[in-house]
Amino acid sequence: MPQLFKNAGWFTTAAGKIYHDAVLDQDPISWSYPANHTAWIQCGEGDIVDPVGNNYCGVTENSKTPYTDEDLVFTECIKRLDLAH
């Protein structure tokens, strides 16, 4: 579907939790702006860690890294919106 929109003149890009890197690599002709491979933040000192072992890090006032993966995705999305504009 993204290739259809791109071929019709739309700006297409993939970011966030919908399009993971494996999907992006399989279809590079669909994107106006190439995929980036985000280095996700690992839980660190001061974070609230998911007890089940998922890579969920809750940021606290004691966190060494004061932002989350969602902040990285948001920043990348704003960048791509600016490119599309």
PDB file of N, CA and C in Angstrom:
ATOM      1  N   MET A   1       0.801  -1.196   0.000  1.00  0.00           N
ATOM      2  CA  MET A   1       0.000   0.000   0.000  1.00  0.00           C
ATOM      3  C   MET A   1       0.854   1.276   0.000  1.00  0.00           C
ATOM      4  N   PRO A   2       1.960   1.331   0.783  1.00  0.00           N
ATOM      5  CA  PRO A   2       2.768   2.549   0.740  1.00  0.00           C
ATOM      6  C   PRO A   2       3.313   2.846  -0.655  1.00  0.00           C
ATOM      7  N   GLN A   3       3.678   1.796  -1.400  1.00  0.00           N
ATOM      8  CA  GLN A   3       4.196   2.010  -2.750  1.00  0.00           C
ATOM      9  C   GLN A   3       3.125   2.623  -3.653  1.00  0.00           C
ATOM     10  N   LEU A   4       1.895   2.212  -3.495  1.00  0.00           N
ATOM     11  CA  LEU A   4       0.780   2.778  -4.260  1.00  0.00           C
ATOM     12  C   LEU A   4       0.670   4.282  -3.989  1.00  0.00           C
ATOM     13  N   PHE A   5       0.712   4.655  -2.715  1.00  0.00           N
ATOM     14  CA  PHE A   5       0.644   6.072  -2.365  1.00  0.00           C
ATOM     15  C   PHE A   5       1.860   6.835  -2.888  1.00  0.00           C
ATOM     16  N   LYS A   6       3.055   6.246  -2.752  1.00  0.00           N
ATOM     17  CA  LYS A   6       4.272   6.897  -3.247  1.00  0.00           C
ATOM     18  C   LYS A   6       4.176   7.131  -4.749  1.00  0.00           C
ATOM     19  N   ASN A   7       3.733   6.119  -5.480  1.00  0.00           N
ATOM     20  CA  ASN A   7       3.613   6.243  -6.931  1.00  0.00           C
ATOM     21  C   ASN A   7       2.555   7.268  -7.343  1.00  0.00           C
ATOM     22  N   ALA A   8       1.631   7.563  -6.461  1.00  0.00           N
ATOM     23  CA  ALA A   8       0.597   8.571  -6.729  1.00  0.00           C
ATOM     24  C   ALA A   8       1.038   9.966  -6.289  1.00  0.00           C
ATOM     25  N   GLY A   9       2.303  10.091  -5.820  1.00  0.00           N
ATOM     26  CA  GLY A   9       2.839  11.400  -5.478  1.00  0.00           C
ATOM     27  C   GLY A   9       2.860  11.753  -4.002  1.00  0.00           C
ATOM     28  N   TRP A  10       2.449  10.848  -3.147  1.00  0.00           N
ATOM     29  CA  TRP A  10       2.449  11.097  -1.706  1.00  0.00           C
ATOM     30  C   TRP A  10       3.838  10.841  -1.132  1.00  0.00           C
ATOM     31  N   PHE A  11       4.142  11.520  -0.037  1.00  0.00           N
ATOM     32  CA  PHE A  11       5.360  11.256   0.730  1.00  0.00           C
ATOM     33  C   PHE A  11       5.086  10.059   1.626  1.00  0.00           C
ATOM     34  N   THR A  12       5.894   9.026   1.518  1.00  0.00           N
ATOM     35  CA  THR A  12       5.693   7.835   2.346  1.00  0.00           C
ATOM     36  C   THR A  12       6.918   7.596   3.209  1.00  0.00           C
ATOM     37  N   THR A  13       6.665   7.211   4.425  1.00  0.00           N
ATOM     38  CA  THR A  13       7.734   6.908   5.364  1.00  0.00           C
ATOM     39  C   THR A  13       7.195   5.948   6.408  1.00  0.00           C
ATOM     40  N   ALA A  14       8.072   5.329   7.123  1.00  0.00           N
ATOM     41  CA  ALA A  14       7.651   4.378   8.154  1.00  0.00           C
ATOM     42  C   ALA A  14       8.398   4.694   9.437  1.00  0.00           C
ATOM     43  N   ALA A  15       7.645   4.799  10.497  1.00  0.00           N
ATOM     44  CA  ALA A  15       8.244   5.064  11.798  1.00  0.00           C
ATOM     45  C   ALA A  15       7.290   4.571  12.869  1.00  0.00           C
ATOM     46  N   GLY A  16       7.849   4.242  13.994  1.00  0.00           N
ATOM     47  CA  GLY A  16       7.009   3.839  15.109  1.00  0.00           C
ATOM     48  C   GLY A  16       6.886   2.339  15.259  1.00  0.00           C
ATOM     49  N   LYS A  17       5.847   1.931  15.930  1.00  0.00           N
ATOM     50  CA  LYS A  17       5.691   0.529  16.292  1.00  0.00           C
ATOM     51  C   LYS A  17       5.005  -0.301  15.210  1.00  0.00           C
ATOM     52  N   ILE A  18       4.435   0.324  14.209  1.00  0.00           N
ATOM     53  CA  ILE A  18       3.757  -0.418  13.152  1.00  0.00           C
ATOM     54  C   ILE A  18       4.765  -1.078  12.225  1.00  0.00           C
ATOM     55  N   TYR A  19       5.746  -0.302  11.781  1.00  0.00           N
ATOM     56  CA  TYR A  19       6.733  -0.802  10.829  1.00  0.00           C
ATOM     57  C   TYR A  19       8.045  -1.069  11.540  1.00  0.00           C
ATOM     58  N   HIS A  20       8.354  -2.328  11.717  1.00  0.00           N
ATOM     59  CA  HIS A  20       9.613  -2.702  12.352  1.00  0.00           C
ATOM     60  C   HIS A  20      10.685  -2.852  11.283  1.00  0.00           C
ATOM     61  N   ASP A  21      11.947  -2.822  11.679  1.00  0.00           N
ATOM     62  CA  ASP A  21      13.055  -2.807  10.733  1.00  0.00           C
ATOM     63  C   ASP A  21      12.999  -3.937   9.715  1.00  0.00           C
ATOM     64  N   ALA A  22      12.605  -5.134  10.096  1.00  0.00           N
ATOM     65  CA  ALA A  22      12.556  -6.257   9.150  1.00  0.00           C
ATOM     66  C   ALA A  22      11.587  -5.961   8.009  1.00  0.00           C
ATOM     67  N   VAL A  23      10.453  -5.351   8.302  1.00  0.00           N
ATOM     68  CA  VAL A  23       9.470  -5.006   7.270  1.00  0.00           C
ATOM     69  C   VAL A  23      10.023  -3.903   6.374  1.00  0.00           C
ATOM     70  N   LEU A  24      10.677  -2.940   6.958  1.00  0.00           N
ATOM     71  CA  LEU A  24      11.224  -1.822   6.189  1.00  0.00           C
ATOM     72  C   LEU A  24      12.252  -2.306   5.181  1.00  0.00           C
ATOM     73  N   ASP A  25      13.096  -3.226   5.582  1.00  0.00           N
ATOM     74  CA  ASP A  25      14.138  -3.728   4.699  1.00  0.00           C
ATOM     75  C   ASP A  25      13.582  -4.533   3.537  1.00  0.00           C
ATOM     76  N   GLN A  26      12.416  -5.108   3.699  1.00  0.00           N
ATOM     77  CA  GLN A  26      11.847  -5.948   2.653  1.00  0.00           C
ATOM     78  C   GLN A  26      11.236  -5.131   1.519  1.00  0.00           C
ATOM     79  N   ASP A  27      10.988  -3.864   1.706  1.00  0.00           N
ATOM     80  CA  ASP A  27      10.246  -3.101   0.715  1.00  0.00           C
ATOM     81  C   ASP A  27      10.773  -1.664   0.578  1.00  0.00           C
ATOM     82  N   PRO A  28      12.058  -1.478   0.284  1.00  0.00           N
ATOM     83  CA  PRO A  28      12.614  -0.118   0.261  1.00  0.00           C
ATOM     84  C   PRO A  28      12.029   0.773  -0.834  1.00  0.00           C
ATOM     85  N   ILE A  29      11.479   0.200  -1.916  1.00  0.00           N
ATOM     86  CA  ILE A  29      10.928   1.039  -2.981  1.00  0.00           C
ATOM     87  C   ILE A  29       9.617   1.706  -2.589  1.00  0.00           C
ATOM     88  N   SER A  30       9.076   1.326  -1.446  1.00  0.00           N
ATOM     89  CA  SER A  30       7.810   1.913  -0.991  1.00  0.00           C
ATOM     90  C   SER A  30       7.993   3.227  -0.229  1.00  0.00           C
ATOM     91  N   TRP A  31       9.207   3.565   0.110  1.00  0.00           N
ATOM     92  CA  TRP A  31       9.413   4.696   1.010  1.00  0.00           C
ATOM     93  C   TRP A  31      10.088   5.867   0.319  1.00  0.00           C
ATOM     94  N   SER A  32       9.539   7.062   0.499  1.00  0.00           N
ATOM     95  CA  SER A  32      10.163   8.290   0.002  1.00  0.00           C
ATOM     96  C   SER A  32      11.386   8.633   0.831  1.00  0.00           C
ATOM     97  N   TYR A  33      11.338   8.295   2.084  1.00  0.00           N
ATOM     98  CA  TYR A  33      12.429   8.552   3.018  1.00  0.00           C
ATOM     99  C   TYR A  33      12.872   7.207   3.561  1.00  0.00           C
ATOM    100  N   PRO A  34      14.172   6.900   3.500  1.00  0.00           N
ATOM    101  CA  PRO A  34      14.618   5.551   3.866  1.00  0.00           C
ATOM    102  C   PRO A  34      14.401   5.209   5.337  1.00  0.00           C
ATOM    103  N   ALA A  35      14.359   3.928   5.571  1.00  0.00           N
ATOM    104  CA  ALA A  35      14.197   3.424   6.933  1.00  0.00           C
ATOM    105  C   ALA A  35      15.421   3.775   7.767  1.00  0.00           C
ATOM    106  N   ASN A  36      15.183   4.030   9.013  1.00  0.00           N
ATOM    107  CA  ASN A  36      16.309   4.182   9.931  1.00  0.00           C
ATOM    108  C   ASN A  36      16.245   3.026  10.913  1.00  0.00           C
ATOM    109  N   HIS A  37      17.373   2.646  11.402  1.00  0.00           N
ATOM    110  CA  HIS A  37      17.438   1.550  12.366  1.00  0.00           C
ATOM    111  C   HIS A  37      17.718   2.160  13.742  1.00  0.00           C
ATOM    112  N   THR A  38      16.661   2.396  14.460  1.00  0.00           N
ATOM    113  CA  THR A  38      16.760   3.042  15.755  1.00  0.00           C
ATOM    114  C   THR A  38      17.426   2.119  16.769  1.00  0.00           C
ATOM    115  N   ALA A  39      18.392   2.648  17.455  1.00  0.00           N
ATOM    116  CA  ALA A  39      19.006   1.913  18.564  1.00  0.00           C
ATOM    117  C   ALA A  39      18.139   2.169  19.793  1.00  0.00           C
ATOM    118  N   TRP A  40      17.351   1.173  20.153  1.00  0.00           N
ATOM    119  CA  TRP A  40      16.416   1.338  21.258  1.00  0.00           C
ATOM    120  C   TRP A  40      17.138   1.468  22.583  1.00  0.00           C
ATOM    121  N   ILE A  41      16.528   2.205  23.467  1.00  0.00           N
ATOM    122  CA  ILE A  41      17.086   2.451  24.790  1.00  0.00           C
ATOM    123  C   ILE A  41      16.904   1.208  25.654  1.00  0.00           C
ATOM    124  N   GLN A  42      17.959   0.801  26.276  1.00  0.00           N
ATOM    125  CA  GLN A  42      17.896  -0.317  27.213  1.00  0.00           C
ATOM    126  C   GLN A  42      17.646   0.239  28.614  1.00  0.00           C
ATOM    127  N   CYS A  43      16.981  -0.541  29.434  1.00  0.00           N
ATOM    128  CA  CYS A  43      16.731  -0.106  30.807  1.00  0.00           C
ATOM    129  C   CYS A  43      18.064   0.156  31.504  1.00  0.00           C
ATOM    130  N   GLY A  44      18.076   1.193  32.304  1.00  0.00           N
ATOM    131  CA  GLY A  44      19.314   1.566  32.974  1.00  0.00           C
ATOM    132  C   GLY A  44      19.095   1.942  34.424  1.00  0.00           C
ATOM    133  N   GLU A  45      20.116   2.497  34.965  1.00  0.00           N
ATOM    134  CA  GLU A  45      20.132   2.887  36.373  1.00  0.00           C
ATOM    135  C   GLU A  45      19.022   3.896  36.665  1.00  0.00           C
ATOM    136  N   GLY A  46      18.225   3.621  37.694  1.00  0.00           N
ATOM    137  CA  GLY A  46      17.159   4.523  38.117  1.00  0.00           C
ATOM    138  C   GLY A  46      15.821   4.286  37.449  1.00  0.00           C
ATOM    139  N   ASP A  47      15.768   3.419  36.432  1.00  0.00           N
ATOM    140  CA  ASP A  47      14.512   3.146  35.722  1.00  0.00           C
ATOM    141  C   ASP A  47      13.644   2.159  36.496  1.00  0.00           C
ATOM    142  N   ILE A  48      12.351   2.224  36.246  1.00  0.00           N
ATOM    143  CA  ILE A  48      11.440   1.186  36.705  1.00  0.00           C
ATOM    144  C   ILE A  48      11.466   0.111  35.631  1.00  0.00           C
ATOM    145  N   VAL A  49      11.839  -1.099  36.008  1.00  0.00           N
ATOM    146  CA  VAL A  49      12.000  -2.182  35.042  1.00  0.00           C
ATOM    147  C   VAL A  49      10.806  -3.128  35.114  1.00  0.00           C
ATOM    148  N   ASP A  50      10.327  -3.552  33.935  1.00  0.00           N
ATOM    149  CA  ASP A  50       9.220  -4.506  33.850  1.00  0.00           C
ATOM    150  C   ASP A  50       9.640  -5.816  34.518  1.00  0.00           C
ATOM    151  N   PRO A  51       8.907  -6.275  35.516  1.00  0.00           N
ATOM    152  CA  PRO A  51       9.292  -7.495  36.238  1.00  0.00           C
ATOM    153  C   PRO A  51       9.220  -8.764  35.393  1.00  0.00           C
ATOM    154  N   VAL A  52       8.489  -8.737  34.278  1.00  0.00           N
ATOM    155  CA  VAL A  52       8.363  -9.907  33.409  1.00  0.00           C
ATOM    156  C   VAL A  52       9.588 -10.052  32.509  1.00  0.00           C
ATOM    157  N   GLY A  53      10.353  -9.001  32.337  1.00  0.00           N
ATOM    158  CA  GLY A  53      11.559  -9.072  31.529  1.00  0.00           C
ATOM    159  C   GLY A  53      11.451  -8.430  30.161  1.00  0.00           C
ATOM    160  N   ASN A  54      10.305  -7.816  29.848  1.00  0.00           N
ATOM    161  CA  ASN A  54      10.192  -7.078  28.595  1.00  0.00           C
ATOM    162  C   ASN A  54      11.063  -5.837  28.677  1.00  0.00           C
ATOM    163  N   ASN A  55      11.422  -5.291  27.539  1.00  0.00           N
ATOM    164  CA  ASN A  55      12.256  -4.093  27.545  1.00  0.00           C
ATOM    165  C   ASN A  55      11.383  -2.855  27.727  1.00  0.00           C
ATOM    166  N   TYR A  56      10.710  -2.785  28.860  1.00  0.00           N
ATOM    167  CA  TYR A  56       9.941  -1.598  29.215  1.00  0.00           C
ATOM    168  C   TYR A  56      10.680  -0.891  30.323  1.00  0.00           C
ATOM    169  N   CYS A  57      10.983   0.370  30.120  1.00  0.00           N
ATOM    170  CA  CYS A  57      11.687   1.153  31.124  1.00  0.00           C
ATOM    171  C   CYS A  57      10.829   2.348  31.503  1.00  0.00           C
ATOM    172  N   GLY A  58      10.437   2.405  32.740  1.00  0.00           N
ATOM    173  CA  GLY A  58       9.719   3.567  33.236  1.00  0.00           C
ATOM    174  C   GLY A  58      10.725   4.590  33.726  1.00  0.00           C
ATOM    175  N   VAL A  59      10.639   5.791  33.209  1.00  0.00           N
ATOM    176  CA  VAL A  59      11.577   6.837  33.584  1.00  0.00           C
ATOM    177  C   VAL A  59      11.167   7.426  34.924  1.00  0.00           C
ATOM    178  N   THR A  60      12.137   7.641  35.772  1.00  0.00           N
ATOM    179  CA  THR A  60      11.917   8.273  37.070  1.00  0.00           C
ATOM    180  C   THR A  60      12.852   9.469  37.191  1.00  0.00           C
ATOM    181  N   GLU A  61      12.735  10.203  38.269  1.00  0.00           N
ATOM    182  CA  GLU A  61      13.644  11.341  38.476  1.00  0.00           C
ATOM    183  C   GLU A  61      15.087  10.878  38.684  1.00  0.00           C
ATOM    184  N   ASN A  62      15.273   9.573  38.944  1.00  0.00           N
ATOM    185  CA  ASN A  62      16.615   9.034  39.146  1.00  0.00           C
ATOM    186  C   ASN A  62      17.169   8.338  37.901  1.00  0.00           C
ATOM    187  N   SER A  63      16.444   8.348  36.805  1.00  0.00           N
ATOM    188  CA  SER A  63      16.890   7.663  35.593  1.00  0.00           C
ATOM    189  C   SER A  63      18.122   8.342  34.999  1.00  0.00           C
ATOM    190  N   LYS A  64      19.061   7.516  34.579  1.00  0.00           N
ATOM    191  CA  LYS A  64      20.274   8.033  33.952  1.00  0.00           C
ATOM    192  C   LYS A  64      19.946   8.620  32.573  1.00  0.00           C
ATOM    193  N   THR A  65      19.012   7.989  31.830  1.00  0.00           N
ATOM    194  CA  THR A  65      18.527   8.492  30.544  1.00  0.00           C
ATOM    195  C   THR A  65      17.103   8.989  30.769  1.00  0.00           C
ATOM    196  N   PRO A  66      16.868  10.308  30.682  1.00  0.00           N
ATOM    197  CA  PRO A  66      15.565  10.867  31.057  1.00  0.00           C
ATOM    198  C   PRO A  66      14.500  10.841  29.960  1.00  0.00           C
ATOM    199  N   TYR A  67      14.596   9.897  29.027  1.00  0.00           N
ATOM    200  CA  TYR A  67      13.590   9.772  27.981  1.00  0.00           C
ATOM    201  C   TYR A  67      13.447   8.304  27.597  1.00  0.00           C
ATOM    202  N   THR A  68      12.415   8.005  26.818  1.00  0.00           N
ATOM    203  CA  THR A  68      12.085   6.620  26.495  1.00  0.00           C
ATOM    204  C   THR A  68      12.132   6.389  24.980  1.00  0.00           C
ATOM    205  N   ASP A  69      11.911   5.136  24.582  1.00  0.00           N
ATOM    206  CA  ASP A  69      11.817   4.805  23.159  1.00  0.00           C
ATOM    207  C   ASP A  69      10.722   5.619  22.474  1.00  0.00           C
ATOM    208  N   GLU A  70       9.622   5.840  23.180  1.00  0.00           N
ATOM    209  CA  GLU A  70       8.526   6.610  22.609  1.00  0.00           C
ATOM    210  C   GLU A  70       8.970   8.033  22.288  1.00  0.00           C
ATOM    211  N   ASP A  71       9.836   8.601  23.113  1.00  0.00           N
ATOM    212  CA  ASP A  71      10.376   9.930  22.833  1.00  0.00           C
ATOM    213  C   ASP A  71      11.232   9.912  21.570  1.00  0.00           C
ATOM    214  N   LEU A  72      12.016   8.840  21.374  1.00  0.00           N
ATOM    215  CA  LEU A  72      12.822   8.715  20.162  1.00  0.00           C
ATOM    216  C   LEU A  72      11.935   8.635  18.929  1.00  0.00           C
ATOM    217  N   VAL A  73      10.877   7.834  19.007  1.00  0.00           N
ATOM    218  CA  VAL A  73       9.953   7.676  17.876  1.00  0.00           C
ATOM    219  C   VAL A  73       9.264   9.008  17.584  1.00  0.00           C
ATOM    220  N   PHE A  74       8.823   9.700  18.614  1.00  0.00           N
ATOM    221  CA  PHE A  74       8.157  10.990  18.437  1.00  0.00           C
ATOM    222  C   PHE A  74       9.082  11.983  17.735  1.00  0.00           C
ATOM    223  N   THR A  75      10.328  12.060  18.167  1.00  0.00           N
ATOM    224  CA  THR A  75      11.298  12.973  17.562  1.00  0.00           C
ATOM    225  C   THR A  75      11.516  12.627  16.087  1.00  0.00           C
ATOM    226  N   GLU A  76      11.629  11.333  15.780  1.00  0.00           N
ATOM    227  CA  GLU A  76      11.804  10.895  14.392  1.00  0.00           C
ATOM    228  C   GLU A  76      10.568  11.226  13.556  1.00  0.00           C
ATOM    229  N   CYS A  77       9.398  11.056  14.121  1.00  0.00           N
ATOM    230  CA  CYS A  77       8.161  11.373  13.392  1.00  0.00           C
ATOM    231  C   CYS A  77       8.062  12.853  13.072  1.00  0.00           C
ATOM    232  N   ILE A  78       8.421  13.698  14.008  1.00  0.00           N
ATOM    233  CA  ILE A  78       8.411  15.150  13.766  1.00  0.00           C
ATOM    234  C   ILE A  78       9.386  15.497  12.638  1.00  0.00           C
ATOM    235  N   LYS A  79      10.548  14.880  12.646  1.00  0.00           N
ATOM    236  CA  LYS A  79      11.538  15.102  11.588  1.00  0.00           C
ATOM    237  C   LYS A  79      10.946  14.734  10.221  1.00  0.00           C
ATOM    238  N   ARG A  80      10.268  13.592  10.158  1.00  0.00           N
ATOM    239  CA  ARG A  80       9.707  13.135   8.889  1.00  0.00           C
ATOM    240  C   ARG A  80       8.522  14.004   8.453  1.00  0.00           C
ATOM    241  N   LEU A  81       7.743  14.487   9.392  1.00  0.00           N
ATOM    242  CA  LEU A  81       6.658  15.410   9.040  1.00  0.00           C
ATOM    243  C   LEU A  81       7.224  16.697   8.439  1.00  0.00           C
ATOM    244  N   ASP A  82       8.328  17.176   8.999  1.00  0.00           N
ATOM    245  CA  ASP A  82       8.974  18.359   8.446  1.00  0.00           C
ATOM    246  C   ASP A  82       9.466  18.088   7.028  1.00  0.00           C
ATOM    247  N   LEU A  83      10.037  16.905   6.786  1.00  0.00           N
ATOM    248  CA  LEU A  83      10.478  16.546   5.440  1.00  0.00           C
ATOM    249  C   LEU A  83       9.303  16.492   4.459  1.00  0.00           C
ATOM    250  N   ALA A  84       8.178  15.955   4.909  1.00  0.00           N
ATOM    251  CA  ALA A  84       7.015  15.825   4.044  1.00  0.00           C
ATOM    252  C   ALA A  84       6.419  17.181   3.709  1.00  0.00           C
ATOM    253  N   HIS A  85       6.535  18.111   4.652  1.00  0.00           N
ATOM    254  CA  HIS A  85       5.964  19.437   4.469  1.00  0.00           C
ATOM    255  C   HIS A  85       6.701  20.170   3.387  1.00  0.00           C
TER     256      HIS A  85
END
